[in-house]
């Protein structure tokens, strides 16, 4: 589990390191001031909450519990992680495009 967590963190930080190497401090300012970064924290935080508590709260209907419906539980957690990763990737792309435009 630790090895997977370390590889995920390194994979997530690689585009930030590359953008910082390419554009310098302005990339970091654009990256961290963008609302997309903060929007990506919500689904990732919710998925961590769900794994910790053992259930996924649903908008309508009963909660999906890990011990009762493991397939549906992990599908929902993976979807939240994918949504967070997509918004994170969009944040990196927006920061890259903003700084790549001719001045």
Protein backbone atom coordinates (compact mmCIF):
# COMPACT_ATOMS: atom_id res chain seq x y z
CA UNK A 1 0.00 0.00 0.00
CA UNK A 2 2.82 2.39 0.83
CA UNK A 3 4.57 1.75 -2.48
CA UNK A 4 1.34 2.48 -4.37
CA UNK A 5 0.79 5.69 -2.40
CA UNK A 6 4.33 6.89 -3.06
CA UNK A 7 4.02 6.17 -6.78
CA UNK A 8 0.68 8.01 -6.98
CA UNK A 9 2.16 11.06 -5.24
CA UNK A 10 5.21 11.05 -7.52
CA UNK A 11 2.98 10.64 -10.57
CA UNK A 12 0.84 13.60 -9.46
CA UNK A 13 3.85 15.83 -8.73
CA UNK A 14 5.70 15.07 -11.99
CA UNK A 15 3.69 17.55 -14.13
CA UNK A 16 4.12 20.25 -11.47
CA UNK A 17 7.86 19.68 -11.40
CA UNK A 18 8.04 19.72 -15.20
CA UNK A 19 5.99 22.91 -15.41
CA UNK A 20 8.12 24.58 -12.76
CA UNK A 21 11.29 23.55 -14.59
CA UNK A 22 9.89 24.90 -17.87
CA UNK A 23 8.27 28.15 -16.67
CA UNK A 24 9.69 28.81 -13.21
CA UNK A 25 7.88 30.45 -10.31
CA UNK A 26 5.06 31.79 -12.47
CA UNK A 27 3.85 28.23 -13.11
CA UNK A 28 3.56 27.57 -9.38
CA UNK A 29 1.61 30.79 -8.87
CA UNK A 30 -0.76 29.92 -11.74
CA UNK A 31 -1.08 26.32 -10.55
CA UNK A 32 -1.88 27.04 -6.90
CA UNK A 33 -4.10 30.08 -7.50
CA UNK A 34 -6.34 28.26 -9.96
CA UNK A 35 -9.72 27.18 -8.56
CA UNK A 36 -9.42 23.84 -10.37
CA UNK A 37 -6.80 22.68 -7.87
CA UNK A 38 -9.09 23.36 -4.95
CA UNK A 39 -12.03 21.74 -6.77
CA UNK A 40 -9.97 18.57 -7.19
CA UNK A 41 -9.55 18.25 -3.43
CA UNK A 42 -13.28 17.73 -2.79
CA UNK A 43 -13.73 14.35 -4.53
CA UNK A 44 -10.35 13.08 -3.33
CA UNK A 45 -11.16 14.10 0.23
CA UNK A 46 -14.61 12.54 -0.02
CA UNK A 47 -13.13 9.27 -1.25
CA UNK A 48 -10.65 9.25 1.65
CA UNK A 49 -13.55 9.89 4.05
CA UNK A 50 -15.51 7.02 2.51
CA UNK A 51 -12.61 4.57 2.78
CA UNK A 52 -12.03 5.63 6.39
CA UNK A 53 -15.68 5.37 7.44
CA UNK A 54 -16.55 2.31 5.35
CA UNK A 55 -19.55 3.73 3.51
CA UNK A 56 -20.38 6.03 0.62
CA UNK A 57 -23.18 8.52 1.33
CA UNK A 58 -25.59 8.61 -1.58
CA UNK A 59 -27.65 11.57 -2.69
CA UNK A 60 -30.80 9.49 -2.74
CA UNK A 61 -31.26 6.14 -1.10
CA UNK A 62 -29.30 4.28 1.50
CA UNK A 63 -25.57 4.46 2.06
CA UNK A 64 -23.38 1.96 0.22
CA UNK A 65 -21.46 0.03 2.87
CA UNK A 66 -18.10 -1.57 2.16
CA UNK A 67 -18.95 -4.85 3.92
CA UNK A 68 -22.42 -5.22 2.34
CA UNK A 69 -21.74 -4.14 -1.27
CA UNK A 70 -17.96 -4.17 -1.82
CA UNK A 71 -18.18 -3.96 -5.62
CA UNK A 72 -20.41 -0.90 -5.66
CA UNK A 73 -18.46 0.71 -2.81
CA UNK A 74 -15.10 0.47 -4.59
CA UNK A 75 -16.68 1.54 -7.89
CA UNK A 76 -17.93 4.74 -6.24
CA UNK A 77 -14.58 5.38 -4.55
CA UNK A 78 -12.72 4.87 -7.84
CA UNK A 79 -15.11 7.24 -9.60
CA UNK A 80 -14.47 9.95 -7.00
CA UNK A 81 -10.71 9.48 -7.35
CA UNK A 82 -10.98 9.60 -11.14
CA UNK A 83 -13.05 12.79 -10.96
CA UNK A 84 -10.46 14.40 -8.70
CA UNK A 85 -7.63 13.27 -10.98
CA UNK A 86 -9.37 14.67 -14.06
CA UNK A 87 -9.87 18.09 -12.45
CA UNK A 88 -6.23 18.02 -11.27
CA UNK A 89 -5.08 17.24 -14.82
CA UNK A 90 -7.26 20.05 -16.13
CA UNK A 91 -5.59 22.40 -13.65
CA UNK A 92 -2.14 21.39 -14.91
CA UNK A 93 -3.28 21.80 -18.53
CA UNK A 94 -4.80 25.25 -17.89
CA UNK A 95 -1.65 26.45 -16.12
CA UNK A 96 0.49 25.12 -18.98
CA UNK A 97 -1.67 26.74 -21.67
CA UNK A 98 -1.81 30.08 -19.86
CA UNK A 99 1.96 30.25 -19.56
CA UNK A 100 2.63 28.87 -23.07
CA UNK A 101 0.77 31.63 -24.87
CA UNK A 102 2.92 34.25 -26.60
CA UNK A 103 3.39 37.45 -24.68
